[in-house]
Amino acid sequence: MRIFDLQKKEVINEKDCKRLGYVADVEFDICTCCIEALIIPGEGKICGLFGRDEEYVIPCRCVKKIGEDIIIVCVDEDEVRKKC
């Protein structure tokens, strides 16, 4: 699977069935060449516009299932939300 394919998939948290968004980027370890986390942009500042203050950084260990259209994760939203 390519990163491009991941960007087409919506990420859903199984804890509360909330849609977190779509994968925008990935974090990977240069030494091992392994993906460490998925990065999903947070909501926009004003009505979804004008940039973003936060993003979700979801470790790969929290990914439960990758399907054709969605990625199921199990995370505590407050723990994976980071300032940009």
N, C-alpha and C. Protein backbone atom coordinates (compact mmCIF):
# COMPACT_ATOMS: atom_id res chain seq x y z
N MET A 1 0.84 -1.17 0.00
CA MET A 1 0.00 0.00 0.00
C MET A 1 0.89 1.25 0.00
N ARG A 2 0.48 2.24 -0.72
CA ARG A 2 1.23 3.50 -0.81
C ARG A 2 0.59 4.56 0.09
N ILE A 3 1.38 5.57 0.41
CA ILE A 3 0.86 6.67 1.23
C ILE A 3 -0.32 7.33 0.52
N PHE A 4 -0.24 7.44 -0.79
CA PHE A 4 -1.34 8.00 -1.58
C PHE A 4 -2.64 7.24 -1.31
N ASP A 5 -2.57 5.92 -1.19
CA ASP A 5 -3.76 5.11 -0.91
C ASP A 5 -4.30 5.39 0.50
N LEU A 6 -3.42 5.61 1.45
CA LEU A 6 -3.86 5.93 2.82
C LEU A 6 -4.60 7.27 2.87
N GLN A 7 -4.18 8.23 2.05
CA GLN A 7 -4.78 9.56 2.06
C GLN A 7 -6.23 9.56 1.59
N LYS A 8 -6.67 8.52 0.93
CA LYS A 8 -8.05 8.42 0.46
C LYS A 8 -8.97 7.80 1.51
N LYS A 9 -8.40 7.34 2.61
CA LYS A 9 -9.19 6.63 3.62
C LYS A 9 -9.54 7.54 4.79
N GLU A 10 -10.78 7.43 5.25
CA GLU A 10 -11.23 8.21 6.40
C GLU A 10 -10.87 7.45 7.68
N VAL A 11 -10.44 8.19 8.70
CA VAL A 11 -10.04 7.60 9.97
C VAL A 11 -11.18 7.75 10.97
N ILE A 12 -11.59 6.64 11.59
CA ILE A 12 -12.69 6.64 12.54
C ILE A 12 -12.20 6.02 13.85
N ASN A 13 -12.54 6.70 14.96
CA ASN A 13 -12.17 6.23 16.29
C ASN A 13 -13.24 5.25 16.79
N GLU A 14 -12.84 4.03 17.10
CA GLU A 14 -13.82 3.03 17.54
C GLU A 14 -14.34 3.29 18.95
N LYS A 15 -13.64 4.11 19.73
CA LYS A 15 -14.10 4.38 21.10
C LYS A 15 -15.41 5.15 21.13
N ASP A 16 -15.54 6.14 20.23
CA ASP A 16 -16.75 6.95 20.22
C ASP A 16 -17.38 7.06 18.83
N CYS A 17 -16.86 6.28 17.87
CA CYS A 17 -17.34 6.26 16.49
C CYS A 17 -17.26 7.64 15.82
N LYS A 18 -16.32 8.47 16.26
CA LYS A 18 -16.16 9.82 15.71
C LYS A 18 -15.25 9.77 14.49
N ARG A 19 -15.61 10.54 13.49
CA ARG A 19 -14.77 10.70 12.30
C ARG A 19 -13.66 11.69 12.63
N LEU A 20 -12.43 11.28 12.50
CA LEU A 20 -11.30 12.16 12.81
C LEU A 20 -10.83 12.91 11.57
N GLY A 21 -11.07 12.37 10.39
CA GLY A 21 -10.66 13.01 9.15
C GLY A 21 -9.92 12.04 8.26
N TYR A 22 -9.16 12.60 7.32
CA TYR A 22 -8.41 11.79 6.37
C TYR A 22 -6.92 11.92 6.64
N VAL A 23 -6.18 10.87 6.35
CA VAL A 23 -4.73 10.87 6.56
C VAL A 23 -4.11 11.93 5.65
N ALA A 24 -3.31 12.82 6.25
CA ALA A 24 -2.64 13.88 5.48
C ALA A 24 -1.16 13.54 5.29
N ASP A 25 -0.59 12.85 6.27
CA ASP A 25 0.84 12.58 6.24
C ASP A 25 1.13 11.38 7.14
N VAL A 26 2.36 10.90 7.09
CA VAL A 26 2.79 9.84 7.99
C VAL A 26 4.12 10.24 8.61
N GLU A 27 4.37 9.70 9.78
CA GLU A 27 5.65 9.88 10.46
C GLU A 27 6.38 8.54 10.35
N PHE A 28 7.65 8.56 9.96
CA PHE A 28 8.36 7.30 9.89
C PHE A 28 9.76 7.42 10.46
N ASP A 29 10.29 6.29 10.89
CA ASP A 29 11.62 6.21 11.47
C ASP A 29 12.63 6.02 10.33
N ILE A 30 13.58 6.93 10.22
CA ILE A 30 14.56 6.89 9.15
C ILE A 30 15.46 5.64 9.27
N CYS A 31 15.79 5.25 10.47
CA CYS A 31 16.69 4.10 10.68
C CYS A 31 16.04 2.78 10.26
N THR A 32 14.78 2.58 10.63
CA THR A 32 14.12 1.31 10.34
C THR A 32 13.25 1.36 9.09
N CYS A 33 12.99 2.57 8.59
CA CYS A 33 12.11 2.78 7.43
C CYS A 33 10.70 2.25 7.69
N CYS A 34 10.26 2.32 8.95
CA CYS A 34 8.92 1.88 9.32
C CYS A 34 8.04 3.07 9.66
N ILE A 35 6.76 2.98 9.30
CA ILE A 35 5.81 4.03 9.65
C ILE A 35 5.56 3.99 11.14
N GLU A 36 5.67 5.14 11.79
CA GLU A 36 5.46 5.24 13.23
C GLU A 36 4.07 5.75 13.58
N ALA A 37 3.53 6.70 12.78
CA ALA A 37 2.25 7.31 13.11
C ALA A 37 1.56 7.86 11.87
N LEU A 38 0.24 7.95 11.96
CA LEU A 38 -0.57 8.61 10.94
C LEU A 38 -0.87 10.02 11.43
N ILE A 39 -0.85 10.98 10.54
CA ILE A 39 -1.14 12.36 10.91
C ILE A 39 -2.40 12.80 10.19
N ILE A 40 -3.38 13.24 11.00
CA ILE A 40 -4.66 13.69 10.49
C ILE A 40 -4.85 15.15 10.92
N PRO A 41 -5.10 16.06 9.99
CA PRO A 41 -5.29 17.46 10.37
C PRO A 41 -6.53 17.63 11.25
N GLY A 42 -6.43 18.56 12.21
CA GLY A 42 -7.58 18.88 13.05
C GLY A 42 -8.54 19.79 12.32
N GLU A 43 -9.55 20.25 13.03
CA GLU A 43 -10.54 21.14 12.42
C GLU A 43 -9.95 22.52 12.22
N GLY A 44 -10.51 23.26 11.27
CA GLY A 44 -10.05 24.61 10.98
C GLY A 44 -10.34 25.57 12.12
N LYS A 45 -9.64 26.70 12.13
CA LYS A 45 -9.79 27.68 13.21
C LYS A 45 -11.18 28.30 13.26
N ILE A 46 -11.63 28.86 12.13
CA ILE A 46 -12.92 29.53 12.09
C ILE A 46 -13.76 28.89 10.99
N CYS A 47 -14.83 28.20 11.40
CA CYS A 47 -15.75 27.54 10.46
C CYS A 47 -15.03 26.62 9.48
N GLY A 48 -13.95 25.99 9.94
CA GLY A 48 -13.22 25.07 9.09
C GLY A 48 -12.26 25.75 8.12
N LEU A 49 -12.09 27.05 8.27
CA LEU A 49 -11.22 27.82 7.37
C LEU A 49 -10.02 28.38 8.11
N PHE A 50 -9.15 29.02 7.37
CA PHE A 50 -8.01 29.77 7.92
C PHE A 50 -7.01 28.93 8.69
N GLY A 51 -6.66 27.78 8.17
CA GLY A 51 -5.60 26.97 8.78
C GLY A 51 -6.07 26.16 9.97
N ARG A 52 -5.11 25.50 10.59
CA ARG A 52 -5.42 24.60 11.71
C ARG A 52 -4.43 24.82 12.85
N ASP A 53 -4.93 24.67 14.06
CA ASP A 53 -4.08 24.79 15.24
C ASP A 53 -3.57 23.44 15.72
N GLU A 54 -4.35 22.40 15.46
CA GLU A 54 -4.04 21.08 16.01
C GLU A 54 -4.10 20.02 14.93
N GLU A 55 -3.50 18.89 15.25
CA GLU A 55 -3.57 17.72 14.39
C GLU A 55 -3.57 16.48 15.28
N TYR A 56 -4.04 15.38 14.72
CA TYR A 56 -4.01 14.11 15.43
C TYR A 56 -2.79 13.33 14.96
N VAL A 57 -1.98 12.89 15.91
CA VAL A 57 -0.83 12.04 15.60
C VAL A 57 -1.13 10.68 16.23
N ILE A 58 -1.50 9.74 15.39
CA ILE A 58 -1.98 8.44 15.86
C ILE A 58 -0.90 7.39 15.64
N PRO A 59 -0.35 6.84 16.73
CA PRO A 59 0.67 5.79 16.60
C PRO A 59 0.11 4.56 15.88
N CYS A 60 0.96 3.90 15.13
CA CYS A 60 0.51 2.73 14.36
C CYS A 60 -0.01 1.61 15.26
N ARG A 61 0.45 1.54 16.49
CA ARG A 61 -0.04 0.49 17.40
C ARG A 61 -1.53 0.68 17.72
N CYS A 62 -2.06 1.88 17.47
CA CYS A 62 -3.48 2.17 17.74
C CYS A 62 -4.37 1.88 16.54
N VAL A 63 -3.78 1.55 15.41
CA VAL A 63 -4.56 1.22 14.21
C VAL A 63 -5.07 -0.21 14.37
N LYS A 64 -6.39 -0.37 14.33
CA LYS A 64 -7.00 -1.68 14.52
C LYS A 64 -7.27 -2.40 13.20
N LYS A 65 -7.69 -1.64 12.18
CA LYS A 65 -8.05 -2.26 10.91
C LYS A 65 -7.95 -1.23 9.79
N ILE A 66 -7.41 -1.66 8.67
CA ILE A 66 -7.38 -0.83 7.47
C ILE A 66 -8.25 -1.51 6.44
N GLY A 67 -9.37 -0.87 6.11
CA GLY A 67 -10.30 -1.43 5.14
C GLY A 67 -10.16 -0.74 3.79
N GLU A 68 -11.10 -1.01 2.90
CA GLU A 68 -11.07 -0.42 1.56
C GLU A 68 -11.28 1.09 1.60
N ASP A 69 -12.16 1.55 2.50
CA ASP A 69 -12.52 2.97 2.55
C ASP A 69 -12.14 3.67 3.84
N ILE A 70 -11.99 2.92 4.92
CA ILE A 70 -11.75 3.54 6.23
C ILE A 70 -10.61 2.87 6.98
N ILE A 71 -10.11 3.60 7.96
CA ILE A 71 -9.11 3.09 8.89
C ILE A 71 -9.73 3.20 10.28
N ILE A 72 -9.82 2.09 10.99
CA ILE A 72 -10.36 2.07 12.34
C ILE A 72 -9.20 2.17 13.32
N VAL A 73 -9.30 3.15 14.26
CA VAL A 73 -8.28 3.31 15.29
C VAL A 73 -8.97 3.29 16.65
N CYS A 74 -8.19 3.03 17.68
CA CYS A 74 -8.70 3.06 19.05
C CYS A 74 -7.78 3.96 19.86
N VAL A 75 -8.22 5.22 20.05
CA VAL A 75 -7.39 6.21 20.72
C VAL A 75 -8.22 7.06 21.66
N ASP A 76 -7.54 7.64 22.64
CA ASP A 76 -8.13 8.68 23.47
C ASP A 76 -7.78 9.98 22.77
N GLU A 77 -8.77 10.68 22.26
CA GLU A 77 -8.55 11.87 21.44
C GLU A 77 -7.64 12.90 22.07
N ASP A 78 -7.78 13.11 23.36
CA ASP A 78 -6.96 14.11 24.05
C ASP A 78 -5.48 13.74 24.06
N GLU A 79 -5.18 12.45 24.04
CA GLU A 79 -3.78 12.00 24.08
C GLU A 79 -3.09 12.13 22.72
N VAL A 80 -3.84 12.03 21.63
CA VAL A 80 -3.21 12.08 20.30
C VAL A 80 -3.33 13.44 19.63
N ARG A 81 -4.06 14.38 20.24
CA ARG A 81 -4.19 15.72 19.68
C ARG A 81 -2.95 16.53 20.04
N LYS A 82 -2.30 17.08 19.03
CA LYS A 82 -1.06 17.85 19.22
C LYS A 82 -1.19 19.23 18.59
N LYS A 83 -0.49 20.20 19.14
CA LYS A 83 -0.44 21.53 18.54
C LYS A 83 0.44 21.49 17.30
N CYS A 84 0.05 22.23 16.26
CA CYS A 84 0.85 22.31 15.04
C CYS A 84 2.02 23.25 15.24
